[in-house]
Amino acid sequence: MKLYGIKTCDTCRKALKALPDAQFIDVRATPLDRAELQRFLDAFGSDLVNTRSTTWRGMSEAERAADPLDQLIAHPTLMKRPVIDNGTLYLGWNKDLEETLT
């Protein structure tokens, strides 16, 4: 199982604590390649882009209008997190998902 996120993200920390065997990939330290991001976008669509983030608020209108894939490549922290891959992709972390995966 892989967990994609940012090491300073509280939600990612909660998920990692509940899934201690998961391989953690910090998308800030190790940016994802285009194919991996496209796979996530295919699964989650526009939900993958966190429009409530500080990164989004700091972007210009032109940057916000860009293709989501290009946005995520330029700004890895714009990705909603965590993304969990255990053969099936999951976005986010909540009690229901914790019960499903643990």
C-alpha atoms as a PDB file:
ATOM      1  CA  MET A   1       0.000   0.000   0.000  1.00  0.00           C
ATOM      2  CA  LYS A   2       1.228   3.471  -0.866  1.00  0.00           C
ATOM      3  CA  LEU A   3       0.183   6.703   0.771  1.00  0.00           C
ATOM      4  CA  TYR A   4       0.883   9.901  -1.174  1.00  0.00           C
ATOM      5  CA  GLY A   5       0.910  13.159   0.741  1.00  0.00           C
ATOM      6  CA  ILE A   6       3.060  15.698   2.558  1.00  0.00           C
ATOM      7  CA  LYS A   7       4.874  14.860   5.774  1.00  0.00           C
ATOM      8  CA  THR A   8       3.663  18.057   7.482  1.00  0.00           C
ATOM      9  CA  CYS A   9      -0.021  17.386   6.676  1.00  0.00           C
ATOM     10  CA  ASP A  10      -2.009  16.451   9.794  1.00  0.00           C
ATOM     11  CA  THR A  11      -4.455  14.317   7.805  1.00  0.00           C
ATOM     12  CA  CYS A  12      -1.586  12.391   6.231  1.00  0.00           C
ATOM     13  CA  ARG A  13      -0.074  11.847   9.673  1.00  0.00           C
ATOM     14  CA  LYS A  14      -3.373  10.414  10.954  1.00  0.00           C
ATOM     15  CA  ALA A  15      -3.601   8.075   7.958  1.00  0.00           C
ATOM     16  CA  LEU A  16       0.008   6.950   8.402  1.00  0.00           C
ATOM     17  CA  LYS A  17      -0.540   6.272  12.069  1.00  0.00           C
ATOM     18  CA  ALA A  18      -3.533   4.074  11.245  1.00  0.00           C
ATOM     19  CA  LEU A  19      -1.698   2.401   8.318  1.00  0.00           C
ATOM     20  CA  PRO A  20       1.808   1.814   9.713  1.00  0.00           C
ATOM     21  CA  ASP A  21       2.747  -0.627   6.931  1.00  0.00           C
ATOM     22  CA  ALA A  22       1.976   1.863   4.162  1.00  0.00           C
ATOM     23  CA  GLN A  23       4.859   3.191   2.095  1.00  0.00           C
ATOM     24  CA  PHE A  24       4.757   7.001   2.426  1.00  0.00           C
ATOM     25  CA  ILE A  25       5.619   9.131  -0.604  1.00  0.00           C
ATOM     26  CA  ASP A  26       6.088  12.833   0.139  1.00  0.00           C
ATOM     27  CA  VAL A  27       4.943  14.581  -3.043  1.00  0.00           C
ATOM     28  CA  ARG A  28       6.838  17.729  -2.120  1.00  0.00           C
ATOM     29  CA  ALA A  29      10.174  15.931  -1.672  1.00  0.00           C
ATOM     30  CA  THR A  30       9.594  13.464  -4.522  1.00  0.00           C
ATOM     31  CA  PRO A  31       7.247  15.030  -7.090  1.00  0.00           C
ATOM     32  CA  LEU A  32       5.074  12.570  -8.951  1.00  0.00           C
ATOM     33  CA  ASP A  33       5.562  12.024 -12.649  1.00  0.00           C
ATOM     34  CA  ARG A  34       2.994  13.053 -15.227  1.00  0.00           C
ATOM     35  CA  ALA A  35       1.650   9.504 -15.715  1.00  0.00           C
ATOM     36  CA  GLU A  36       1.024   8.979 -11.991  1.00  0.00           C
ATOM     37  CA  LEU A  37      -0.739  12.324 -11.636  1.00  0.00           C
ATOM     38  CA  GLN A  38      -2.825  11.540 -14.724  1.00  0.00           C
ATOM     39  CA  ARG A  39      -3.859   8.232 -13.138  1.00  0.00           C
ATOM     40  CA  PHE A  40      -5.019  10.115 -10.040  1.00  0.00           C
ATOM     41  CA  LEU A  41      -6.855  12.703 -12.150  1.00  0.00           C
ATOM     42  CA  ASP A  42      -8.566   9.933 -14.112  1.00  0.00           C
ATOM     43  CA  ALA A  43      -9.773   8.434 -10.837  1.00  0.00           C
ATOM     44  CA  PHE A  44     -10.793  11.605  -8.972  1.00  0.00           C
ATOM     45  CA  GLY A  45     -11.215  14.309 -11.618  1.00  0.00           C
ATOM     46  CA  SER A  46     -11.260  17.882 -10.385  1.00  0.00           C
ATOM     47  CA  ASP A  47     -11.635  16.657  -6.774  1.00  0.00           C
ATOM     48  CA  LEU A  48      -7.881  16.010  -6.789  1.00  0.00           C
ATOM     49  CA  VAL A  49      -7.149  19.765  -6.915  1.00  0.00           C
ATOM     50  CA  ASN A  50      -7.523  21.397  -3.506  1.00  0.00           C
ATOM     51  CA  THR A  51      -9.151  24.744  -4.275  1.00  0.00           C
ATOM     52  CA  ARG A  52      -9.302  25.577  -0.552  1.00  0.00           C
ATOM     53  CA  SER A  53      -5.538  25.419  -0.055  1.00  0.00           C
ATOM     54  CA  THR A  54      -3.111  28.234   0.594  1.00  0.00           C
ATOM     55  CA  THR A  55      -1.355  27.312  -2.634  1.00  0.00           C
ATOM     56  CA  TRP A  56      -4.576  27.800  -4.628  1.00  0.00           C
ATOM     57  CA  ARG A  57      -5.310  31.151  -2.977  1.00  0.00           C
ATOM     58  CA  GLY A  58      -1.823  32.354  -3.928  1.00  0.00           C
ATOM     59  CA  MET A  59      -2.228  31.468  -7.602  1.00  0.00           C
ATOM     60  CA  SER A  60      -3.057  34.008 -10.306  1.00  0.00           C
ATOM     61  CA  GLU A  61      -6.269  33.716 -12.330  1.00  0.00           C
ATOM     62  CA  ALA A  62      -4.210  32.495 -15.306  1.00  0.00           C
ATOM     63  CA  GLU A  63      -2.644  29.731 -13.174  1.00  0.00           C
ATOM     64  CA  ARG A  64      -6.060  28.723 -11.842  1.00  0.00           C
ATOM     65  CA  ALA A  65      -7.416  28.462 -15.391  1.00  0.00           C
ATOM     66  CA  ALA A  66      -4.594  26.114 -16.462  1.00  0.00           C
ATOM     67  CA  ASP A  67      -4.997  22.392 -17.021  1.00  0.00           C
ATOM     68  CA  PRO A  68      -5.255  20.555 -13.643  1.00  0.00           C
ATOM     69  CA  LEU A  69      -2.401  18.225 -14.607  1.00  0.00           C
ATOM     70  CA  ASP A  70      -0.119  21.187 -15.285  1.00  0.00           C
ATOM     71  CA  GLN A  71      -1.221  22.794 -12.005  1.00  0.00           C
ATOM     72  CA  LEU A  72      -0.324  19.676 -10.030  1.00  0.00           C
ATOM     73  CA  ILE A  73       3.048  19.336 -11.749  1.00  0.00           C
ATOM     74  CA  ALA A  74       3.912  22.974 -11.022  1.00  0.00           C
ATOM     75  CA  HIS A  75       2.466  22.922  -7.477  1.00  0.00           C
ATOM     76  CA  PRO A  76       2.578  19.420  -5.902  1.00  0.00           C
ATOM     77  CA  THR A  77       1.060  20.730  -2.664  1.00  0.00           C
ATOM     78  CA  LEU A  78      -2.120  21.584  -4.576  1.00  0.00           C
ATOM     79  CA  MET A  79      -3.068  17.900  -4.510  1.00  0.00           C
ATOM     80  CA  LYS A  80      -5.749  16.918  -2.020  1.00  0.00           C
ATOM     81  CA  ARG A  81      -4.316  14.362   0.305  1.00  0.00           C
ATOM     82  CA  PRO A  82      -3.728  11.733   1.154  1.00  0.00           C
ATOM     83  CA  VAL A  83      -4.096   9.602  -1.940  1.00  0.00           C
ATOM     84  CA  ILE A  84      -3.984   5.959  -0.900  1.00  0.00           C
ATOM     85  CA  ASP A  85      -3.236   3.198  -3.395  1.00  0.00           C
ATOM     86  CA  ASN A  86      -3.762  -0.420  -2.367  1.00  0.00           C
ATOM     87  CA  GLY A  87      -4.859  -1.579  -5.797  1.00  0.00           C
ATOM     88  CA  THR A  88      -7.833   0.755  -5.478  1.00  0.00           C
ATOM     89  CA  LEU A  89      -7.329   4.517  -5.223  1.00  0.00           C
ATOM     90  CA  TYR A  90      -8.783   6.482  -2.311  1.00  0.00           C
ATOM     91  CA  LEU A  91      -8.730  10.244  -1.763  1.00  0.00           C
ATOM     92  CA  GLY A  92      -8.728  11.790   1.687  1.00  0.00           C
ATOM     93  CA  TRP A  93      -8.997  10.223   5.117  1.00  0.00           C
ATOM     94  CA  ASN A  94     -11.997   9.710   7.374  1.00  0.00           C
ATOM     95  CA  LYS A  95     -13.395   7.150   9.813  1.00  0.00           C
ATOM     96  CA  ASP A  96     -15.203   5.166   7.110  1.00  0.00           C
ATOM     97  CA  LEU A  97     -12.059   4.810   5.041  1.00  0.00           C
ATOM     98  CA  GLU A  98     -10.061   3.914   8.143  1.00  0.00           C
ATOM     99  CA  GLU A  99     -12.511   1.080   8.872  1.00  0.00           C
ATOM    100  CA  THR A 100     -12.259  -0.091   5.247  1.00  0.00           C
ATOM    101  CA  LEU A 101      -8.455  -0.161   5.158  1.00  0.00           C
ATOM    102  CA  THR A 102      -7.543  -1.350   8.651  1.00  0.00           C
END
